[in-house]
Amino acid sequence: KILKPRFPFLVTGCLSGQQSTEKRLDELITECHLIVLTADILLNHLTGKGDFAAVAMSSVDLLVMNECHHTRDKHPYNRVMQNYITAKKTGDKVLVPTVLGLTSLIPVKSKMDLKQGVECI
């Protein structure tokens, strides 16, 4: 709703898990310029889990991750990025998206020195 007045040509899609009538990600990728979805839904499609159609990381051009400071441990963001790294390491022929991580919080502990903070990030 916000982008449509400024970019009338932009075709958007959304996957939230709230509606059973939503299209699948593999369908939206062919129809939309911009797709908004949760990390869990993307991860389910990347792994082909359950009823989710498998989608290759190479089918994504730009991956924007809001609150990317969660990209650690078993968080879905971290698992998406593990998929990204695996795709990137398979060879030059596999295209991977550009990744833009957004955060307002830098996850460093108060007792870290500068070098440890940089390594944590």
N, C-alpha and C. Protein backbone atom coordinates (compact mmCIF):
# COMPACT_ATOMS: atom_id res chain seq x y z
N LYS A 1 0.82 -1.20 0.00
CA LYS A 1 0.00 0.00 0.00
C LYS A 1 0.86 1.26 0.00
N ILE A 2 2.01 1.18 0.62
CA ILE A 2 2.88 2.35 0.71
C ILE A 2 3.64 2.57 -0.59
N LEU A 3 4.09 1.50 -1.20
CA LEU A 3 4.92 1.62 -2.40
C LEU A 3 4.12 1.87 -3.67
N LYS A 4 2.89 1.38 -3.72
CA LYS A 4 2.11 1.44 -4.96
C LYS A 4 1.94 2.86 -5.51
N PRO A 5 1.62 3.89 -4.71
CA PRO A 5 1.47 5.23 -5.27
C PRO A 5 2.76 5.78 -5.88
N ARG A 6 3.89 5.42 -5.30
CA ARG A 6 5.18 5.93 -5.80
C ARG A 6 5.73 5.09 -6.94
N PHE A 7 5.40 3.81 -6.95
CA PHE A 7 5.90 2.88 -7.97
C PHE A 7 4.73 2.09 -8.54
N PRO A 8 3.90 2.71 -9.36
CA PRO A 8 2.69 2.02 -9.85
C PRO A 8 2.97 0.78 -10.69
N PHE A 9 4.16 0.67 -11.25
CA PHE A 9 4.53 -0.49 -12.07
C PHE A 9 4.94 -1.69 -11.22
N LEU A 10 5.20 -1.48 -9.93
CA LEU A 10 5.73 -2.51 -9.05
C LEU A 10 4.67 -3.55 -8.73
N VAL A 11 4.98 -4.81 -9.00
CA VAL A 11 4.08 -5.91 -8.67
C VAL A 11 4.60 -6.55 -7.39
N THR A 12 3.77 -6.57 -6.35
CA THR A 12 4.20 -7.07 -5.05
C THR A 12 3.42 -8.31 -4.64
N GLY A 13 4.01 -9.06 -3.73
CA GLY A 13 3.36 -10.23 -3.17
C GLY A 13 3.73 -10.35 -1.72
N CYS A 14 2.97 -11.12 -0.97
CA CYS A 14 3.22 -11.28 0.46
C CYS A 14 2.89 -12.71 0.87
N LEU A 15 3.77 -13.31 1.66
CA LEU A 15 3.52 -14.62 2.25
C LEU A 15 3.67 -14.48 3.76
N SER A 16 2.62 -14.76 4.49
CA SER A 16 2.69 -14.57 5.94
C SER A 16 2.32 -15.81 6.73
N GLY A 17 1.75 -16.80 6.11
CA GLY A 17 1.30 -17.97 6.85
C GLY A 17 -0.05 -17.76 7.49
N GLN A 18 -0.63 -16.57 7.34
CA GLN A 18 -1.92 -16.26 7.95
C GLN A 18 -3.10 -16.66 7.07
N GLN A 19 -2.86 -16.74 5.77
CA GLN A 19 -3.97 -17.02 4.85
C GLN A 19 -3.69 -18.31 4.09
N SER A 20 -4.68 -19.16 3.99
CA SER A 20 -4.51 -20.41 3.27
C SER A 20 -4.68 -20.23 1.76
N THR A 21 -5.15 -19.05 1.34
CA THR A 21 -5.38 -18.82 -0.09
C THR A 21 -4.19 -18.18 -0.79
N GLU A 22 -3.10 -17.98 -0.06
CA GLU A 22 -1.94 -17.33 -0.65
C GLU A 22 -1.30 -18.23 -1.71
N LYS A 23 -0.66 -17.60 -2.65
CA LYS A 23 0.08 -18.34 -3.66
C LYS A 23 1.38 -18.85 -3.06
N ARG A 24 1.98 -19.80 -3.74
CA ARG A 24 3.26 -20.34 -3.31
C ARG A 24 4.38 -19.41 -3.76
N LEU A 25 5.51 -19.50 -3.07
CA LEU A 25 6.63 -18.63 -3.38
C LEU A 25 7.14 -18.84 -4.80
N ASP A 26 7.18 -20.08 -5.27
CA ASP A 26 7.66 -20.33 -6.63
C ASP A 26 6.76 -19.65 -7.67
N GLU A 27 5.48 -19.49 -7.37
CA GLU A 27 4.57 -18.78 -8.28
C GLU A 27 4.79 -17.27 -8.18
N LEU A 28 4.94 -16.77 -6.96
CA LEU A 28 5.14 -15.33 -6.77
C LEU A 28 6.44 -14.83 -7.40
N ILE A 29 7.47 -15.66 -7.37
CA ILE A 29 8.76 -15.26 -7.93
C ILE A 29 8.63 -14.94 -9.41
N THR A 30 7.80 -15.68 -10.11
CA THR A 30 7.65 -15.44 -11.54
C THR A 30 6.73 -14.26 -11.84
N GLU A 31 5.91 -13.85 -10.87
CA GLU A 31 4.93 -12.79 -11.09
C GLU A 31 5.28 -11.44 -10.48
N CYS A 32 6.13 -11.42 -9.46
CA CYS A 32 6.33 -10.21 -8.66
C CYS A 32 7.74 -9.66 -8.73
N HIS A 33 7.83 -8.34 -8.54
CA HIS A 33 9.12 -7.68 -8.41
C HIS A 33 9.60 -7.71 -6.96
N LEU A 34 8.67 -7.66 -6.02
CA LEU A 34 8.98 -7.57 -4.59
C LEU A 34 8.07 -8.52 -3.83
N ILE A 35 8.67 -9.34 -2.97
CA ILE A 35 7.90 -10.28 -2.16
C ILE A 35 8.31 -10.10 -0.71
N VAL A 36 7.33 -9.93 0.15
CA VAL A 36 7.57 -9.80 1.58
C VAL A 36 7.14 -11.10 2.24
N LEU A 37 8.05 -11.68 3.03
CA LEU A 37 7.73 -12.94 3.70
C LEU A 37 8.60 -13.10 4.93
N THR A 38 8.23 -14.03 5.77
CA THR A 38 8.98 -14.27 6.99
C THR A 38 10.18 -15.17 6.69
N ALA A 39 11.16 -15.15 7.58
CA ALA A 39 12.33 -16.00 7.43
C ALA A 39 11.94 -17.48 7.46
N ASP A 40 10.97 -17.83 8.30
CA ASP A 40 10.52 -19.22 8.37
C ASP A 40 9.96 -19.70 7.04
N ILE A 41 9.14 -18.87 6.41
CA ILE A 41 8.54 -19.26 5.13
C ILE A 41 9.62 -19.39 4.06
N LEU A 42 10.56 -18.45 4.01
CA LEU A 42 11.65 -18.56 3.05
C LEU A 42 12.45 -19.83 3.30
N LEU A 43 12.78 -20.10 4.55
CA LEU A 43 13.55 -21.30 4.89
C LEU A 43 12.81 -22.57 4.48
N ASN A 44 11.51 -22.61 4.74
CA ASN A 44 10.71 -23.78 4.35
C ASN A 44 10.74 -23.99 2.83
N HIS A 45 10.70 -22.92 2.07
CA HIS A 45 10.77 -23.05 0.61
C HIS A 45 12.17 -23.42 0.14
N LEU A 46 13.19 -22.88 0.77
CA LEU A 46 14.57 -23.21 0.38
C LEU A 46 14.88 -24.67 0.63
N THR A 47 14.29 -25.24 1.67
CA THR A 47 14.55 -26.64 2.01
C THR A 47 13.49 -27.58 1.45
N GLY A 48 12.40 -27.04 0.87
CA GLY A 48 11.33 -27.88 0.35
C GLY A 48 10.62 -28.65 1.44
N LYS A 49 10.55 -28.06 2.63
CA LYS A 49 9.97 -28.72 3.81
C LYS A 49 8.45 -28.83 3.70
N GLY A 50 7.93 -30.01 4.00
CA GLY A 50 6.48 -30.21 4.04
C GLY A 50 5.81 -29.94 2.71
N ASP A 51 4.77 -29.12 2.75
CA ASP A 51 4.01 -28.79 1.54
C ASP A 51 4.59 -27.63 0.76
N PHE A 52 5.74 -27.12 1.19
CA PHE A 52 6.35 -25.96 0.53
C PHE A 52 7.12 -26.40 -0.70
N ALA A 53 6.86 -25.75 -1.82
CA ALA A 53 7.59 -26.04 -3.06
C ALA A 53 9.03 -25.58 -2.91
N ALA A 54 9.95 -26.43 -3.34
CA ALA A 54 11.37 -26.07 -3.24
C ALA A 54 11.71 -24.92 -4.17
N VAL A 55 12.41 -23.94 -3.63
CA VAL A 55 12.86 -22.77 -4.39
C VAL A 55 14.37 -22.66 -4.19
N ALA A 56 15.09 -22.44 -5.26
CA ALA A 56 16.55 -22.32 -5.18
C ALA A 56 16.94 -20.92 -4.72
N MET A 57 18.02 -20.83 -3.97
CA MET A 57 18.53 -19.53 -3.53
C MET A 57 18.83 -18.66 -4.75
N SER A 58 19.20 -19.26 -5.86
CA SER A 58 19.55 -18.50 -7.06
C SER A 58 18.35 -17.81 -7.70
N SER A 59 17.14 -18.14 -7.27
CA SER A 59 15.95 -17.48 -7.81
C SER A 59 15.65 -16.15 -7.12
N VAL A 60 16.44 -15.82 -6.09
CA VAL A 60 16.29 -14.57 -5.36
C VAL A 60 17.37 -13.61 -5.83
N ASP A 61 17.01 -12.36 -6.16
CA ASP A 61 17.99 -11.37 -6.60
C ASP A 61 18.54 -10.54 -5.45
N LEU A 62 17.66 -10.11 -4.56
CA LEU A 62 18.06 -9.28 -3.42
C LEU A 62 17.33 -9.80 -2.20
N LEU A 63 18.08 -10.09 -1.15
CA LEU A 63 17.51 -10.58 0.09
C LEU A 63 17.75 -9.51 1.16
N VAL A 64 16.68 -8.90 1.63
CA VAL A 64 16.76 -7.87 2.67
C VAL A 64 16.27 -8.50 3.97
N MET A 65 17.13 -8.47 4.96
CA MET A 65 16.80 -9.09 6.25
C MET A 65 16.73 -8.00 7.31
N ASN A 66 15.51 -7.72 7.78
CA ASN A 66 15.33 -6.73 8.84
C ASN A 66 15.65 -7.40 10.18
N GLU A 67 16.24 -6.66 11.08
CA GLU A 67 16.66 -7.16 12.38
C GLU A 67 17.63 -8.34 12.23
N CYS A 68 18.62 -8.13 11.38
CA CYS A 68 19.56 -9.21 11.06
C CYS A 68 20.46 -9.59 12.24
N HIS A 69 20.39 -8.84 13.34
CA HIS A 69 21.17 -9.23 14.51
C HIS A 69 20.71 -10.57 15.07
N HIS A 70 19.57 -11.07 14.61
CA HIS A 70 19.09 -12.39 15.02
C HIS A 70 19.77 -13.52 14.25
N THR A 71 20.66 -13.19 13.32
CA THR A 71 21.29 -14.19 12.47
C THR A 71 22.38 -14.94 13.24
N ARG A 72 21.93 -15.77 14.16
CA ARG A 72 22.86 -16.60 14.93
C ARG A 72 22.09 -17.76 15.55
N ASP A 73 22.85 -18.71 16.07
CA ASP A 73 22.30 -19.91 16.68
C ASP A 73 21.34 -20.62 15.73
N LYS A 74 20.15 -20.98 16.20
CA LYS A 74 19.20 -21.73 15.36
C LYS A 74 18.09 -20.85 14.80
N HIS A 75 18.27 -19.54 14.87
CA HIS A 75 17.26 -18.63 14.33
C HIS A 75 17.10 -18.87 12.83
N PRO A 76 15.88 -18.76 12.29
CA PRO A 76 15.66 -18.97 10.86
C PRO A 76 16.56 -18.10 9.96
N TYR A 77 16.87 -16.87 10.38
CA TYR A 77 17.78 -16.04 9.58
C TYR A 77 19.13 -16.73 9.42
N ASN A 78 19.64 -17.31 10.49
CA ASN A 78 20.93 -17.99 10.43
C ASN A 78 20.85 -19.20 9.50
N ARG A 79 19.76 -19.93 9.56
CA ARG A 79 19.61 -21.11 8.72
C ARG A 79 19.44 -20.72 7.25
N VAL A 80 18.79 -19.58 6.99
CA VAL A 80 18.71 -19.06 5.62
C VAL A 80 20.11 -18.73 5.12
N MET A 81 20.90 -18.09 5.96
CA MET A 81 22.25 -17.72 5.55
C MET A 81 23.16 -18.94 5.40
N GLN A 82 22.92 -19.99 6.16
CA GLN A 82 23.67 -21.24 5.96
C GLN A 82 23.35 -21.80 4.58
N ASN A 83 22.09 -21.71 4.17
CA ASN A 83 21.68 -22.14 2.83
C ASN A 83 22.38 -21.28 1.78
N TYR A 84 22.47 -19.98 2.03
CA TYR A 84 23.15 -19.05 1.14
C TYR A 84 24.62 -19.43 0.97
N ILE A 85 25.30 -19.70 2.09
CA ILE A 85 26.72 -20.05 2.05
C ILE A 85 26.92 -21.36 1.29
N THR A 86 26.06 -22.33 1.52
CA THR A 86 26.14 -23.60 0.81
C THR A 86 25.99 -23.37 -0.69
N ALA A 87 25.01 -22.57 -1.09
CA ALA A 87 24.80 -22.28 -2.51
C ALA A 87 26.01 -21.55 -3.10
N LYS A 88 26.56 -20.63 -2.35
CA LYS A 88 27.71 -19.85 -2.84
C LYS A 88 28.94 -20.73 -3.02
N LYS A 89 29.12 -21.71 -2.16
CA LYS A 89 30.30 -22.57 -2.22
C LYS A 89 30.22 -23.66 -3.29
N THR A 90 29.05 -23.85 -3.89
CA THR A 90 28.90 -24.93 -4.87
C THR A 90 29.57 -24.64 -6.19
N GLY A 91 29.95 -23.39 -6.43
CA GLY A 91 30.68 -23.09 -7.66
C GLY A 91 30.28 -21.77 -8.27
N ASP A 92 31.02 -21.37 -9.29
CA ASP A 92 30.80 -20.09 -9.95
C ASP A 92 29.49 -20.04 -10.72
N LYS A 93 28.96 -21.20 -11.09
CA LYS A 93 27.75 -21.22 -11.92
C LYS A 93 26.48 -20.93 -11.12
N VAL A 94 26.56 -21.03 -9.80
CA VAL A 94 25.38 -20.80 -8.96
C VAL A 94 25.35 -19.32 -8.57
N LEU A 95 24.27 -18.66 -8.93
CA LEU A 95 24.10 -17.26 -8.56
C LEU A 95 23.45 -17.18 -7.19
N VAL A 96 23.90 -16.27 -6.39
CA VAL A 96 23.29 -16.05 -5.08
C VAL A 96 22.88 -14.58 -5.01
N PRO A 97 21.88 -14.29 -4.20
CA PRO A 97 21.41 -12.91 -4.13
C PRO A 97 22.38 -11.99 -3.40
N THR A 98 22.23 -10.71 -3.65
CA THR A 98 22.88 -9.72 -2.82
C THR A 98 22.10 -9.69 -1.51
N VAL A 99 22.80 -9.63 -0.39
CA VAL A 99 22.15 -9.64 0.92
C VAL A 99 22.36 -8.29 1.59
N LEU A 100 21.26 -7.71 2.05
CA LEU A 100 21.29 -6.46 2.80
C LEU A 100 20.71 -6.73 4.17
N GLY A 101 21.53 -6.63 5.19
CA GLY A 101 21.08 -6.84 6.56
C GLY A 101 20.85 -5.52 7.26
N LEU A 102 19.69 -5.36 7.86
CA LEU A 102 19.34 -4.13 8.56
C LEU A 102 19.18 -4.41 10.06
N THR A 103 19.73 -3.54 10.87
CA THR A 103 19.57 -3.66 12.31
C THR A 103 19.78 -2.31 12.97
N SER A 104 19.18 -2.15 14.11
CA SER A 104 19.46 -0.95 14.91
C SER A 104 20.24 -1.34 16.16
N LEU A 105 20.60 -2.62 16.24
CA LEU A 105 21.29 -3.15 17.41
C LEU A 105 22.52 -3.91 16.96
N ILE A 106 23.66 -3.54 17.45
CA ILE A 106 24.87 -4.29 17.15
C ILE A 106 25.09 -5.28 18.29
N PRO A 107 25.09 -6.56 18.00
CA PRO A 107 25.12 -7.59 19.05
C PRO A 107 26.50 -7.84 19.63
N VAL A 108 26.98 -6.90 20.38
CA VAL A 108 28.27 -7.09 21.06
C VAL A 108 28.04 -7.05 22.56
N LYS A 109 28.84 -7.80 23.26
CA LYS A 109 28.74 -7.82 24.72
C LYS A 109 29.55 -6.66 25.29
N SER A 110 29.14 -6.16 26.41
CA SER A 110 29.76 -4.97 26.98
C SER A 110 31.23 -5.16 27.33
N LYS A 111 31.67 -6.37 27.57
CA LYS A 111 33.07 -6.59 27.98
C LYS A 111 33.97 -6.95 26.79
N MET A 112 33.48 -6.82 25.57
CA MET A 112 34.29 -7.13 24.40
C MET A 112 35.19 -5.95 24.04
N ASP A 113 36.40 -6.27 23.58
CA ASP A 113 37.23 -5.22 23.03
C ASP A 113 36.84 -5.03 21.56
N LEU A 114 37.45 -4.07 20.90
CA LEU A 114 37.09 -3.73 19.53
C LEU A 114 37.25 -4.93 18.59
N LYS A 115 38.36 -5.66 18.69
CA LYS A 115 38.61 -6.80 17.81
C LYS A 115 37.52 -7.87 18.00
N GLN A 116 37.18 -8.19 19.24
CA GLN A 116 36.14 -9.17 19.52
C GLN A 116 34.78 -8.70 18.99
N GLY A 117 34.49 -7.41 19.11
CA GLY A 117 33.24 -6.86 18.60
C GLY A 117 33.13 -7.00 17.10
N VAL A 118 34.22 -6.70 16.39
CA VAL A 118 34.23 -6.83 14.93
C VAL A 118 34.04 -8.28 14.52
N GLU A 119 34.69 -9.21 15.23
CA GLU A 119 34.54 -10.63 14.92
C GLU A 119 33.11 -11.10 15.18
N CYS A 120 32.47 -10.57 16.22
CA CYS A 120 31.10 -10.94 16.55
C CYS A 120 30.14 -10.49 15.45
N ILE A 121 30.39 -9.30 14.91
CA ILE A 121 29.54 -8.76 13.85
C ILE A 121 29.78 -9.54 12.59
